[in-house]
Structures are given as C-alpha cells and as structure tokens.
C-alpha cells in the first residue's frame, strides 16, 4: 500500500487554461482542470522517500486538441503502465471553478480510476482545486495554493477510504519550459515522506508557433 501511495504523491501545480508557461500536474495530489496545449509533449518525473523506500515515477502528457490530452505513466522497477485521457469541460471564471474529467486505466491489473477536477480562483494570487474520484474506493482531495511570479506554494488534504494524507510543497519555473519542485507530507498522520521533481515540455508539433514572415520581394 505504501508503494502505491508513494506514486500517488507524484502528480501538480496549475493556473489557467492554455498558459504561456509550463503547466504541470505534479507534485500535488490533486489534478487541475487544465490540459496540455495541442502539439505539446510534456514529461514530469520525480522521486519520493518514505519509510526507507525510494519511489521513482514518470508520466508523459500529449496535447491532442484544445480540450483533450493523452498521457501514460510508469514507475521505476515496475511493470505498471497507466494510460490516461483527460477532457477539459470548461474554464470557469473567478471563484466559479473550471472542470475536467479524467480516466486512468492500467492494462496489467485492469485497474481504473475516475477523477472529476474543479479549479477556481480566490483572488489575484490564491487558487483552489477540488477532486473527487473512484479507484475501486471513493476519495476526495482539497488544495489551497498561492501563486508567485515563478511558481506556487500549496497545501492539501486527501481522504481515501483506505488512508488519509496531508501534503504540501513549492514549485519553481525556469525560463517558462522547466519546473522544479520539492514536496512532502504525512501519510495517516504518522508516516512522513519527502520528494523532489522535475518537469519539462517540448513543442515539436506546437500549432501556436508563429510562422516566419515571407521575405519581401526585391524591387526591380
């Protein structure tokens, strides 16, 4: 169980739909309502130390359309492979949250996870995220975050039928394309853990790239 929870602790800080800077779904337990922009490939990886165990997890996100992304996730020294699809429903406005729906599927174990995400603003700098879902057991997660110019600070609480978790961390964005994070918390109020992470994005198929202007004709 602790191995599974370690992997759950590696998932994002967020802001708005279609951001100019990287929009990462780690290291928070909550899932934001945003998706990766079309043509973007984004890798997010990190490790967690808990109860004398090191866990390493990586997932990759692909922007398909303005409202749809695909991702896959795997863990070091594990045959697990989670496949996911996430649909952006609407953006929301101010404290009225934007919504998304995500489905995760593990073909090795037939495990499914459904998540409904809601993200809203509590002012110029503060935001919140609420998640509800089912992975064969019901769970809910609530997050409060503070945005600053290079990232965010967050704290959150997760209630699952099998455990409870307190979690928090800080993210820092480098040159709009790379994010670093440090995070940690308590599992069932007794077991501490700490983690570090890295995320970066590539734009090989970015539809928003500006085309180079054509050269002006030479006057005769």
C-alpha atoms as a PDB file:
ATOM      1  CA  UNK A   1       0.000   0.000   0.000  1.00  0.00           C
ATOM      2  CA  UNK A   2       2.792   2.461   0.849  1.00  0.00           C
ATOM      3  CA  UNK A   3       4.365   1.835  -2.548  1.00  0.00           C
ATOM      4  CA  UNK A   4       1.081   2.817  -4.216  1.00  0.00           C
ATOM      5  CA  UNK A   5       0.692   5.916  -2.059  1.00  0.00           C
ATOM      6  CA  UNK A   6       4.249   6.962  -2.876  1.00  0.00           C
ATOM      7  CA  UNK A   7       3.310   7.023  -6.541  1.00  0.00           C
ATOM      8  CA  UNK A   8       0.108   8.914  -5.780  1.00  0.00           C
ATOM      9  CA  UNK A   9       2.157  11.694  -4.170  1.00  0.00           C
ATOM     10  CA  UNK A  10       3.783  12.401  -7.543  1.00  0.00           C
ATOM     11  CA  UNK A  11       1.074  14.243  -9.517  1.00  0.00           C
ATOM     12  CA  UNK A  12       0.590  19.187  -9.993  1.00  0.00           C
ATOM     13  CA  UNK A  13       0.570  22.936  -9.681  1.00  0.00           C
ATOM     14  CA  UNK A  14      -1.597  24.853 -12.060  1.00  0.00           C
ATOM     15  CA  UNK A  15      -3.183  28.061 -13.071  1.00  0.00           C
ATOM     16  CA  UNK A  16      -5.202  28.791 -16.161  1.00  0.00           C
ATOM     17  CA  UNK A  17      -6.180  27.147 -19.432  1.00  0.00           C
ATOM     18  CA  UNK A  18      -3.670  27.455 -22.341  1.00  0.00           C
ATOM     19  CA  UNK A  19      -0.848  29.090 -20.385  1.00  0.00           C
ATOM     20  CA  UNK A  20       2.234  30.671 -21.915  1.00  0.00           C
ATOM     21  CA  UNK A  21       4.426  28.960 -19.311  1.00  0.00           C
ATOM     22  CA  UNK A  22       4.633  25.268 -18.471  1.00  0.00           C
ATOM     23  CA  UNK A  23       1.516  23.915 -16.714  1.00  0.00           C
ATOM     24  CA  UNK A  24       2.482  20.896 -14.629  1.00  0.00           C
ATOM     25  CA  UNK A  25       0.364  18.224 -12.921  1.00  0.00           C
ATOM     26  CA  UNK A  26       2.922  17.451 -10.238  1.00  0.00           C
ATOM     27  CA  UNK A  27       3.719  17.406  -7.369  1.00  0.00           C
ATOM     28  CA  UNK A  28       0.215  17.844  -5.966  1.00  0.00           C
ATOM     29  CA  UNK A  29      -2.219  15.041  -5.189  1.00  0.00           C
ATOM     30  CA  UNK A  30      -4.992  16.990  -6.882  1.00  0.00           C
ATOM     31  CA  UNK A  31      -5.476  17.053 -10.628  1.00  0.00           C
ATOM     32  CA  UNK A  32      -6.181  20.517 -12.076  1.00  0.00           C
ATOM     33  CA  UNK A  33      -8.817  21.198 -14.728  1.00  0.00           C
ATOM     34  CA  UNK A  34      -6.228  22.199 -17.349  1.00  0.00           C
ATOM     35  CA  UNK A  35      -4.808  20.169 -20.233  1.00  0.00           C
ATOM     36  CA  UNK A  36      -1.581  20.418 -22.224  1.00  0.00           C
ATOM     37  CA  UNK A  37      -1.919  22.600 -25.325  1.00  0.00           C
ATOM     38  CA  UNK A  38      -2.087  20.911 -28.755  1.00  0.00           C
ATOM     39  CA  UNK A  39       1.303  19.883 -30.121  1.00  0.00           C
ATOM     40  CA  UNK A  40       2.980  19.901 -26.698  1.00  0.00           C
ATOM     41  CA  UNK A  41       4.851  16.907 -25.249  1.00  0.00           C
ATOM     42  CA  UNK A  42       5.438  17.248 -21.513  1.00  0.00           C
ATOM     43  CA  UNK A  43       7.438  14.935 -19.235  1.00  0.00           C
ATOM     44  CA  UNK A  44       7.021  15.029 -15.451  1.00  0.00           C
ATOM     45  CA  UNK A  45       9.164  12.923 -13.152  1.00  0.00           C
ATOM     46  CA  UNK A  46      10.140  12.756  -9.504  1.00  0.00           C
ATOM     47  CA  UNK A  47      11.100  10.555  -6.593  1.00  0.00           C
ATOM     48  CA  UNK A  48       9.741  10.145  -3.084  1.00  0.00           C
ATOM     49  CA  UNK A  49      11.415   8.815   0.045  1.00  0.00           C
ATOM     50  CA  UNK A  50       9.049   7.194   2.549  1.00  0.00           C
ATOM     51  CA  UNK A  51       9.649   4.630   5.283  1.00  0.00           C
ATOM     52  CA  UNK A  52      13.127   3.644   3.948  1.00  0.00           C
ATOM     53  CA  UNK A  53      11.755   3.223   0.411  1.00  0.00           C
ATOM     54  CA  UNK A  54      12.630   5.297  -2.686  1.00  0.00           C
ATOM     55  CA  UNK A  55       9.955   5.513  -5.357  1.00  0.00           C
ATOM     56  CA  UNK A  56      10.517   6.966  -8.835  1.00  0.00           C
ATOM     57  CA  UNK A  57       7.634   7.812 -11.131  1.00  0.00           C
ATOM     58  CA  UNK A  58       7.416   9.370 -14.600  1.00  0.00           C
ATOM     59  CA  UNK A  59       4.471  10.322 -16.742  1.00  0.00           C
ATOM     60  CA  UNK A  60       4.325  11.915 -20.184  1.00  0.00           C
ATOM     61  CA  UNK A  61       1.492  14.106 -21.457  1.00  0.00           C
ATOM     62  CA  UNK A  62       0.500  14.781 -25.084  1.00  0.00           C
ATOM     63  CA  UNK A  63      -1.766  17.645 -26.123  1.00  0.00           C
ATOM     64  CA  UNK A  64      -4.216  16.312 -28.737  1.00  0.00           C
ATOM     65  CA  UNK A  65      -6.692  19.216 -29.021  1.00  0.00           C
ATOM     66  CA  UNK A  66      -7.510  22.324 -27.009  1.00  0.00           C
ATOM     67  CA  UNK A  67      -9.733  20.146 -24.787  1.00  0.00           C
ATOM     68  CA  UNK A  68      -8.096  16.718 -24.824  1.00  0.00           C
ATOM     69  CA  UNK A  69      -4.786  15.236 -23.681  1.00  0.00           C
ATOM     70  CA  UNK A  70      -3.398  11.718 -23.523  1.00  0.00           C
ATOM     71  CA  UNK A  71      -0.797  10.518 -21.032  1.00  0.00           C
ATOM     72  CA  UNK A  72       0.988   7.421 -19.871  1.00  0.00           C
ATOM     73  CA  UNK A  73       2.743   6.812 -16.553  1.00  0.00           C
ATOM     74  CA  UNK A  74       5.199   4.239 -15.330  1.00  0.00           C
ATOM     75  CA  UNK A  75       7.319   3.556 -12.248  1.00  0.00           C
ATOM     76  CA  UNK A  76      10.956   2.515 -11.958  1.00  0.00           C
ATOM     77  CA  UNK A  77      11.470  -1.239 -11.352  1.00  0.00           C
ATOM     78  CA  UNK A  78       7.787  -1.897 -12.010  1.00  0.00           C
ATOM     79  CA  UNK A  79       5.851  -3.371 -14.972  1.00  0.00           C
ATOM     80  CA  UNK A  80       2.992  -0.955 -14.322  1.00  0.00           C
ATOM     81  CA  UNK A  81       1.771   1.238 -17.162  1.00  0.00           C
ATOM     82  CA  UNK A  82      -1.148   3.584 -16.615  1.00  0.00           C
ATOM     83  CA  UNK A  83      -2.878   5.050 -19.672  1.00  0.00           C
ATOM     84  CA  UNK A  84      -4.987   8.170 -19.260  1.00  0.00           C
ATOM     85  CA  UNK A  85      -7.263  10.501 -21.164  1.00  0.00           C
ATOM     86  CA  UNK A  86      -8.306  13.896 -19.835  1.00  0.00           C
ATOM     87  CA  UNK A  87     -11.124  16.080 -21.189  1.00  0.00           C
ATOM     88  CA  UNK A  88     -11.324  19.810 -20.460  1.00  0.00           C
ATOM     89  CA  UNK A  89     -15.003  20.674 -19.882  1.00  0.00           C
ATOM     90  CA  UNK A  90     -14.987  24.418 -19.228  1.00  0.00           C
ATOM     91  CA  UNK A  91     -12.659  27.119 -17.964  1.00  0.00           C
ATOM     92  CA  UNK A  92     -14.670  28.707 -15.198  1.00  0.00           C
ATOM     93  CA  UNK A  93     -14.432  32.309 -14.046  1.00  0.00           C
ATOM     94  CA  UNK A  94     -13.072  33.594 -10.760  1.00  0.00           C
ATOM     95  CA  UNK A  95     -14.322  31.538  -7.837  1.00  0.00           C
ATOM     96  CA  UNK A  96     -16.636  29.601 -10.186  1.00  0.00           C
ATOM     97  CA  UNK A  97     -14.444  26.594 -10.989  1.00  0.00           C
ATOM     98  CA  UNK A  98     -13.414  25.198 -14.333  1.00  0.00           C
ATOM     99  CA  UNK A  99     -13.963  21.470 -14.732  1.00  0.00           C
ATOM    100  CA  UNK A 100     -12.269  18.463 -16.323  1.00  0.00           C
ATOM    101  CA  UNK A 101     -12.777  14.704 -16.289  1.00  0.00           C
ATOM    102  CA  UNK A 102     -10.008  12.096 -16.376  1.00  0.00           C
ATOM    103  CA  UNK A 103      -9.996   8.331 -16.841  1.00  0.00           C
ATOM    104  CA  UNK A 104      -6.917   6.235 -15.958  1.00  0.00           C
ATOM    105  CA  UNK A 105      -6.585   2.593 -16.943  1.00  0.00           C
ATOM    106  CA  UNK A 106      -3.905   0.038 -16.038  1.00  0.00           C
ATOM    107  CA  UNK A 107      -3.907  -2.840 -18.608  1.00  0.00           C
ATOM    108  CA  UNK A 108      -1.765  -5.066 -16.341  1.00  0.00           C
ATOM    109  CA  UNK A 109      -4.263  -5.144 -13.486  1.00  0.00           C
ATOM    110  CA  UNK A 110      -7.437  -3.880 -15.135  1.00  0.00           C
ATOM    111  CA  UNK A 111      -7.430  -1.027 -12.613  1.00  0.00           C
ATOM    112  CA  UNK A 112      -9.485   2.059 -13.420  1.00  0.00           C
ATOM    113  CA  UNK A 113      -9.552   5.476 -11.805  1.00  0.00           C
ATOM    114  CA  UNK A 114     -12.105   8.208 -12.498  1.00  0.00           C
ATOM    115  CA  UNK A 115     -11.401  11.796 -11.447  1.00  0.00           C
ATOM    116  CA  UNK A 116     -13.548  14.928 -11.668  1.00  0.00           C
ATOM    117  CA  UNK A 117     -11.483  18.087 -11.161  1.00  0.00           C
ATOM    118  CA  UNK A 118     -12.579  21.620 -10.273  1.00  0.00           C
ATOM    119  CA  UNK A 119     -10.182  24.593 -10.172  1.00  0.00           C
ATOM    120  CA  UNK A 120     -11.071  28.151  -9.214  1.00  0.00           C
ATOM    121  CA  UNK A 121      -9.503  31.459  -8.208  1.00  0.00           C
ATOM    122  CA  UNK A 122      -9.728  33.030  -4.759  1.00  0.00           C
ATOM    123  CA  UNK A 123      -8.230  36.346  -5.795  1.00  0.00           C
ATOM    124  CA  UNK A 124      -5.235  37.536  -7.757  1.00  0.00           C
ATOM    125  CA  UNK A 125      -2.789  35.103  -6.119  1.00  0.00           C
ATOM    126  CA  UNK A 126      -4.787  32.386  -4.381  1.00  0.00           C
ATOM    127  CA  UNK A 127      -6.489  29.409  -6.015  1.00  0.00           C
ATOM    128  CA  UNK A 128      -8.161  26.176  -5.005  1.00  0.00           C
ATOM    129  CA  UNK A 129      -8.626  22.720  -6.511  1.00  0.00           C
ATOM    130  CA  UNK A 130     -11.137  20.025  -5.559  1.00  0.00           C
ATOM    131  CA  UNK A 131     -11.061  16.433  -6.803  1.00  0.00           C
ATOM    132  CA  UNK A 132     -13.468  13.567  -6.395  1.00  0.00           C
ATOM    133  CA  UNK A 133     -12.935  10.100  -7.790  1.00  0.00           C
ATOM    134  CA  UNK A 134     -13.049   6.354  -7.528  1.00  0.00           C
ATOM    135  CA  UNK A 135     -10.207   3.818  -7.887  1.00  0.00           C
ATOM    136  CA  UNK A 136     -12.383   0.946  -6.597  1.00  0.00           C
ATOM    137  CA  UNK A 137     -12.703   3.092  -3.452  1.00  0.00           C
ATOM    138  CA  UNK A 138     -14.026   6.635  -3.145  1.00  0.00           C
ATOM    139  CA  UNK A 139     -11.711   9.543  -2.401  1.00  0.00           C
ATOM    140  CA  UNK A 140     -11.661  13.322  -2.288  1.00  0.00           C
ATOM    141  CA  UNK A 141      -8.840  15.888  -2.310  1.00  0.00           C
ATOM    142  CA  UNK A 142      -8.815  19.605  -1.496  1.00  0.00           C
ATOM    143  CA  UNK A 143      -5.993  22.074  -2.196  1.00  0.00           C
ATOM    144  CA  UNK A 144      -5.277  25.723  -1.418  1.00  0.00           C
ATOM    145  CA  UNK A 145      -2.429  27.372  -3.333  1.00  0.00           C
ATOM    146  CA  UNK A 146      -0.620  30.700  -3.567  1.00  0.00           C
ATOM    147  CA  UNK A 147       0.867  31.771  -6.903  1.00  0.00           C
ATOM    148  CA  UNK A 148       4.002  33.851  -7.189  1.00  0.00           C
ATOM    149  CA  UNK A 149       5.908  35.008 -10.265  1.00  0.00           C
ATOM    150  CA  UNK A 150       7.916  31.796 -10.669  1.00  0.00           C
ATOM    151  CA  UNK A 151       5.605  29.091  -9.357  1.00  0.00           C
ATOM    152  CA  UNK A 152       3.333  28.338  -6.412  1.00  0.00           C
ATOM    153  CA  UNK A 153       3.128  27.163  -2.813  1.00  0.00           C
ATOM    154  CA  UNK A 154       0.373  24.718  -1.899  1.00  0.00           C
ATOM    155  CA  UNK A 155      -1.125  22.641   0.900  1.00  0.00           C
ATOM    156  CA  UNK A 156      -3.723  19.895   0.526  1.00  0.00           C
ATOM    157  CA  UNK A 157      -5.595  17.109   2.240  1.00  0.00           C
ATOM    158  CA  UNK A 158      -6.714  13.770   0.799  1.00  0.00           C
ATOM    159  CA  UNK A 159      -9.342  11.483   2.261  1.00  0.00           C
ATOM    160  CA  UNK A 160      -9.460   7.949   0.865  1.00  0.00           C
ATOM    161  CA  UNK A 161     -11.456   5.033   2.194  1.00  0.00           C
ATOM    162  CA  UNK A 162      -8.151   3.279   2.960  1.00  0.00           C
ATOM    163  CA  UNK A 163      -5.940   6.147   4.161  1.00  0.00           C
ATOM    164  CA  UNK A 164      -5.597   9.885   4.768  1.00  0.00           C
ATOM    165  CA  UNK A 165      -2.812  12.166   3.618  1.00  0.00           C
ATOM    166  CA  UNK A 166      -1.510  15.670   4.348  1.00  0.00           C
ATOM    167  CA  UNK A 167       0.668  17.093   1.582  1.00  0.00           C
ATOM    168  CA  UNK A 168       2.385  20.365   0.627  1.00  0.00           C
ATOM    169  CA  UNK A 169       5.182  21.774  -1.470  1.00  0.00           C
ATOM    170  CA  UNK A 170       6.747  24.518  -3.562  1.00  0.00           C
ATOM    171  CA  UNK A 171       7.264  24.740  -7.329  1.00  0.00           C
ATOM    172  CA  UNK A 172       9.720  26.925  -9.264  1.00  0.00           C
ATOM    173  CA  UNK A 173       9.613  27.562 -13.025  1.00  0.00           C
ATOM    174  CA  UNK A 174      12.808  28.046 -15.042  1.00  0.00           C
ATOM    175  CA  UNK A 175      12.513  30.007 -18.316  1.00  0.00           C
ATOM    176  CA  UNK A 176       8.848  29.025 -18.857  1.00  0.00           C
ATOM    177  CA  UNK A 177       9.712  25.496 -20.046  1.00  0.00           C
ATOM    178  CA  UNK A 178      11.086  23.693 -16.943  1.00  0.00           C
ATOM    179  CA  UNK A 179       9.662  23.299 -13.440  1.00  0.00           C
ATOM    180  CA  UNK A 180      11.386  22.099 -10.269  1.00  0.00           C
ATOM    181  CA  UNK A 181       9.522  21.083  -7.124  1.00  0.00           C
ATOM    182  CA  UNK A 182      10.027  19.953  -3.570  1.00  0.00           C
ATOM    183  CA  UNK A 183       7.176  18.373  -1.617  1.00  0.00           C
ATOM    184  CA  UNK A 184       6.394  16.276   1.429  1.00  0.00           C
ATOM    185  CA  UNK A 185       3.782  15.333   3.967  1.00  0.00           C
ATOM    186  CA  UNK A 186       2.320  12.764   6.333  1.00  0.00           C
ATOM    187  CA  UNK A 187       0.557   9.519   5.482  1.00  0.00           C
ATOM    188  CA  UNK A 188      -2.150   8.619   8.004  1.00  0.00           C
ATOM    189  CA  UNK A 189      -0.718  11.374  10.236  1.00  0.00           C
ATOM    190  CA  UNK A 190       2.190   9.136  11.290  1.00  0.00           C
ATOM    191  CA  UNK A 191       4.478   8.332   8.341  1.00  0.00           C
ATOM    192  CA  UNK A 192       6.472  11.281   6.908  1.00  0.00           C
ATOM    193  CA  UNK A 193       7.779  11.437   3.357  1.00  0.00           C
ATOM    194  CA  UNK A 194       9.638  13.903   1.130  1.00  0.00           C
ATOM    195  CA  UNK A 195      10.019  14.211  -2.635  1.00  0.00           C
ATOM    196  CA  UNK A 196      11.776  16.134  -5.418  1.00  0.00           C
ATOM    197  CA  UNK A 197      10.682  16.520  -9.014  1.00  0.00           C
ATOM    198  CA  UNK A 198      11.418  17.878 -12.478  1.00  0.00           C
ATOM    199  CA  UNK A 199       9.108  18.622 -15.409  1.00  0.00           C
ATOM    200  CA  UNK A 200       9.834  19.993 -18.873  1.00  0.00           C
ATOM    201  CA  UNK A 201       7.972  20.449 -22.128  1.00  0.00           C
ATOM    202  CA  UNK A 202       8.813  20.207 -25.826  1.00  0.00           C
ATOM    203  CA  UNK A 203       6.946  21.788 -28.741  1.00  0.00           C
ATOM    204  CA  UNK A 204       7.679  19.685 -31.842  1.00  0.00           C
ATOM    205  CA  UNK A 205       4.080  19.951 -33.077  1.00  0.00           C
ATOM    206  CA  UNK A 206       3.033  23.220 -31.468  1.00  0.00           C
ATOM    207  CA  UNK A 207       0.229  24.685 -33.577  1.00  0.00           C
ATOM    208  CA  UNK A 208       0.669  28.078 -31.936  1.00  0.00           C
ATOM    209  CA  UNK A 209       4.169  28.602 -33.283  1.00  0.00           C
ATOM    210  CA  UNK A 210       4.385  31.769 -35.345  1.00  0.00           C
ATOM    211  CA  UNK A 211       5.354  31.241 -38.935  1.00  0.00           C
ATOM    212  CA  UNK A 212       8.389  33.100 -40.193  1.00  0.00           C
ATOM    213  CA  UNK A 213       7.299  36.026 -42.392  1.00  0.00           C
ATOM    214  CA  UNK A 214       7.970  35.609 -46.071  1.00  0.00           C
ATOM    215  CA  UNK A 215      10.860  37.582 -47.461  1.00  0.00           C
ATOM    216  CA  UNK A 216       9.842  40.815 -49.173  1.00  0.00           C
ATOM    217  CA  UNK A 217      10.165  40.760 -52.974  1.00  0.00           C
ATOM    218  CA  UNK A 218      13.174  42.529 -54.368  1.00  0.00           C
ATOM    219  CA  UNK A 219      12.192  45.663 -56.236  1.00  0.00           C
ATOM    220  CA  UNK A 220      13.370  45.805 -59.803  1.00  0.00           C
END
